[in-house]
Amino acid sequence: MNDTSPAESQPPAPVPADDPDRHLTHVSPDTDESLPDLGVVGDTYTILVSGEDLCSPSGQEEFFRAVGVPVANRTDAPPALDDAGTAAFIAKAVALAPQYRTELLLPE
């Protein structure tokens, strides 16, 4: 439970000014085999850019790396989880979420 109402919360930081000297990122998920493919919650996801490639907040892809299961390529299905595996996955995600500034909304 949160003791702070939304009106008392801190406003988000302003978006920084654009940097015209920045390096642009271009990825090709169908041909770039160096991109990580992860199985998360019954589906396969490819991380196209990392937090280092974006301005802020970075690190969400690291959360998915921590809870996901690496798969060989973006078309492979992740391993199926039984009830115990699902419970372990949820427990791991809940435990790691605060480290990555992530809020999980679980069914009641």
Foldseek 3Di string as FASTA:
>chain_A
DDPDDPVRDDDDDDDDDDDPPDDADDFDQVPDQVWWWWADPWAIDTDGDFQVNDDDDGDPVVLCVQLTHTDRGRVDTDDDDDPVRVVVSVVSSVVCQVVRVHDDDDDD
